Amino acid sequence: MGVRVKPTQNIPVNGSSAAVWKQWHLTLIQYFGKKTAAAVFVTAWNKRGSTDSLNRDLNEHLEKHGIILDKGLVGTVTEAAMDAGDSIADFLQVGKWVLYGVAGIAVVGLGILVFQITRQPIAALKAAAEVTPAGRAGKAVKGIGGGQKALKA
């Protein structure tokens, strides 16, 4: 069994990563308990910590243990941007499935249309002529021409 070193003898420094600070906090909890670990961590963070070391993972870990650190303006803006990015990513995930659904409906509709054209091509052409702008314009012109002939006769 090795000698147990006090975690207060191995405090992270200003440039330490978030992972180092998180591991050190877990070691503090094991050594001192949750309440004392929180007090020791906050004291050390105020002296040696920096917002450069504070990322989302460390922040969530500390909040879970009841520690709220001041992130400064840059940290607050960065976290808000990350939250917005997560929201956009979530929306795009949902949007992707909506797009798949719409594409599926379009493919099924196109399949039905092709089936109807191959089954009854003349009827399909007549229906298309009535729906398209050119088909409607042709009907209007025929109607006007027929009316003029009726007036001349």
Protein backbone atom coordinates (compact mmCIF):
# COMPACT_ATOMS: atom_id res chain seq x y z
CA MET A 1 0.00 0.00 0.00
CA GLY A 2 1.40 3.37 -1.07
CA VAL A 3 1.65 6.51 0.99
CA ARG A 4 -1.41 8.70 0.68
CA VAL A 5 -0.46 12.25 -0.34
CA LYS A 6 -2.63 15.15 0.72
CA PRO A 7 -4.33 16.63 -2.35
CA THR A 8 -3.57 20.11 -1.02
CA GLN A 9 0.10 19.38 -1.73
CA ASN A 10 -0.67 18.84 -5.41
CA ILE A 11 -2.86 21.83 -6.34
CA PRO A 12 -3.31 22.50 -10.08
CA VAL A 13 -1.70 25.67 -11.41
CA ASN A 14 -3.11 28.52 -13.50
CA GLY A 15 -2.48 26.80 -16.86
CA SER A 16 -3.84 23.38 -15.80
CA SER A 17 -6.53 21.83 -17.98
CA ALA A 18 -10.15 21.36 -16.99
CA ALA A 19 -9.55 17.60 -16.77
CA VAL A 20 -6.77 18.15 -14.20
CA TRP A 21 -9.01 20.42 -12.09
CA LYS A 22 -11.88 17.92 -12.28
CA GLN A 23 -9.65 15.01 -11.23
CA TRP A 24 -8.20 17.07 -8.41
CA HIS A 25 -11.72 17.88 -7.19
CA LEU A 26 -12.63 14.17 -7.21
CA THR A 27 -9.48 13.46 -5.19
CA LEU A 28 -10.45 16.20 -2.71
CA ILE A 29 -13.87 14.59 -2.25
CA GLN A 30 -12.28 11.21 -1.54
CA TYR A 31 -9.81 12.72 0.92
CA PHE A 32 -11.91 15.37 2.73
CA GLY A 33 -15.55 14.71 1.91
CA LYS A 34 -17.88 16.77 -0.27
CA LYS A 35 -18.33 19.87 1.91
CA THR A 36 -14.66 20.44 2.79
CA ALA A 37 -13.60 19.52 -0.75
CA ALA A 38 -15.85 22.27 -2.11
CA ALA A 39 -14.33 24.88 0.20
CA VAL A 40 -10.76 23.83 -0.60
CA PHE A 41 -11.49 23.73 -4.33
CA VAL A 42 -13.04 27.21 -4.41
CA THR A 43 -10.14 28.67 -2.42
CA ALA A 44 -7.60 27.11 -4.77
CA TRP A 45 -9.57 28.09 -7.86
CA ASN A 46 -9.77 31.72 -6.75
CA LYS A 47 -5.97 31.78 -6.36
CA ARG A 48 -4.84 29.59 -9.28
CA GLY A 49 -7.77 28.88 -11.59
CA SER A 50 -8.61 30.71 -14.77
CA THR A 51 -11.58 30.93 -17.09
CA ASP A 52 -9.36 29.36 -19.78
CA SER A 53 -9.46 26.12 -17.76
CA LEU A 54 -13.22 26.22 -17.23
CA ASN A 55 -15.04 24.24 -19.89
CA ARG A 56 -18.56 22.83 -20.00
CA ASP A 57 -17.57 19.42 -18.61
CA LEU A 58 -15.81 20.89 -15.57
CA ASN A 59 -18.59 23.43 -15.03
CA GLU A 60 -21.31 20.75 -15.10
CA HIS A 61 -19.26 18.52 -12.78
CA LEU A 62 -18.81 21.32 -10.26
CA GLU A 63 -22.46 22.42 -10.45
CA LYS A 64 -23.48 18.83 -9.76
CA HIS A 65 -21.43 19.07 -6.57
CA GLY A 66 -22.87 22.47 -5.63
CA ILE A 67 -19.97 24.66 -6.77
CA ILE A 68 -20.72 27.65 -8.99
CA LEU A 69 -17.67 29.42 -10.41
CA ASP A 70 -17.61 32.91 -11.90
CA LYS A 71 -16.93 32.38 -15.60
CA GLY A 72 -16.36 36.02 -16.43
CA LEU A 73 -17.89 37.74 -19.44
CA VAL A 74 -15.98 35.68 -22.01
CA GLY A 75 -16.97 32.40 -20.35
CA THR A 76 -20.62 33.42 -20.15
CA VAL A 77 -20.72 34.47 -23.82
CA THR A 78 -18.88 31.31 -24.87
CA GLU A 79 -21.27 29.09 -22.94
CA ALA A 80 -24.29 30.91 -24.41
CA ALA A 81 -22.87 30.37 -27.91
CA MET A 82 -22.32 26.69 -27.16
CA ASP A 83 -25.90 26.37 -25.91
CA ALA A 84 -27.16 28.04 -29.10
CA GLY A 85 -25.01 25.68 -31.15
CA ASP A 86 -26.50 22.70 -29.31
CA SER A 87 -30.01 23.99 -29.98
CA ILE A 88 -29.27 24.40 -33.68
CA ALA A 89 -27.79 20.90 -33.81
CA ASP A 90 -30.89 19.48 -32.12
CA PHE A 91 -33.12 21.32 -34.59
CA LEU A 92 -31.08 20.03 -37.52
CA GLN A 93 -31.42 16.49 -36.23
CA VAL A 94 -35.21 16.89 -36.16
CA GLY A 95 -35.10 18.73 -39.48
CA LYS A 96 -33.20 15.83 -41.01
CA TRP A 97 -36.02 13.42 -40.15
CA VAL A 98 -38.64 15.85 -41.43
CA LEU A 99 -36.68 16.10 -44.69
CA TYR A 100 -36.59 12.29 -44.94
CA GLY A 101 -40.35 12.19 -44.42
CA VAL A 102 -41.06 14.83 -47.07
CA ALA A 103 -38.67 13.12 -49.51
CA GLY A 104 -40.38 9.78 -48.86
CA ILE A 105 -43.81 11.27 -49.56
CA ALA A 106 -42.50 12.88 -52.77
CA VAL A 107 -41.00 9.58 -53.96
CA VAL A 108 -44.26 7.71 -53.25
CA GLY A 109 -46.27 10.41 -55.07
CA LEU A 110 -43.91 10.30 -58.04
CA GLY A 111 -44.20 6.51 -58.10
CA ILE A 112 -47.99 6.71 -58.18
CA LEU A 113 -47.82 9.29 -60.98
CA VAL A 114 -45.50 7.11 -63.08
CA PHE A 115 -47.75 4.11 -62.47
CA GLN A 116 -50.83 6.06 -63.64
CA ILE A 117 -49.02 7.35 -66.74
CA THR A 118 -47.93 3.86 -67.77
CA ARG A 119 -51.37 2.41 -67.06
CA GLN A 120 -53.46 5.09 -68.84
CA PRO A 121 -51.20 7.47 -70.81
CA ILE A 122 -53.96 9.35 -72.67
CA ALA A 123 -55.99 10.05 -69.51
CA ALA A 124 -52.82 11.16 -67.72
CA LEU A 125 -51.98 13.59 -70.53
CA LYS A 126 -55.50 15.05 -70.46
CA ALA A 127 -55.28 15.52 -66.70
CA ALA A 128 -51.88 17.17 -67.02
CA ALA A 129 -53.21 19.50 -69.72
CA GLU A 130 -55.97 20.68 -67.41
CA VAL A 131 -53.61 21.35 -64.52
CA THR A 132 -50.70 23.05 -66.29
CA PRO A 133 -50.85 26.78 -67.10
CA ALA A 134 -50.47 26.09 -70.82
CA GLY A 135 -53.40 23.65 -70.72
CA ARG A 136 -55.63 26.13 -68.93
CA ALA A 137 -54.68 28.90 -71.35
CA GLY A 138 -55.48 26.63 -74.29
CA LYS A 139 -58.93 25.92 -72.89
CA ALA A 140 -59.55 29.63 -72.41
CA VAL A 141 -58.51 30.45 -75.98
CA LYS A 142 -60.73 27.69 -77.39
CA GLY A 143 -63.62 28.97 -75.33
CA ILE A 144 -63.16 32.54 -76.57
CA GLY A 145 -62.75 31.40 -80.19
CA GLY A 146 -65.89 29.29 -80.00
CA GLY A 147 -67.83 32.23 -78.67
CA GLN A 148 -66.72 34.48 -81.51
CA LYS A 149 -67.74 31.89 -84.12
CA ALA A 150 -71.13 31.67 -82.51
CA LEU A 151 -71.54 35.46 -82.75
CA LYS A 152 -70.59 35.52 -86.48
CA ALA A 153 -72.97 32.77 -87.42
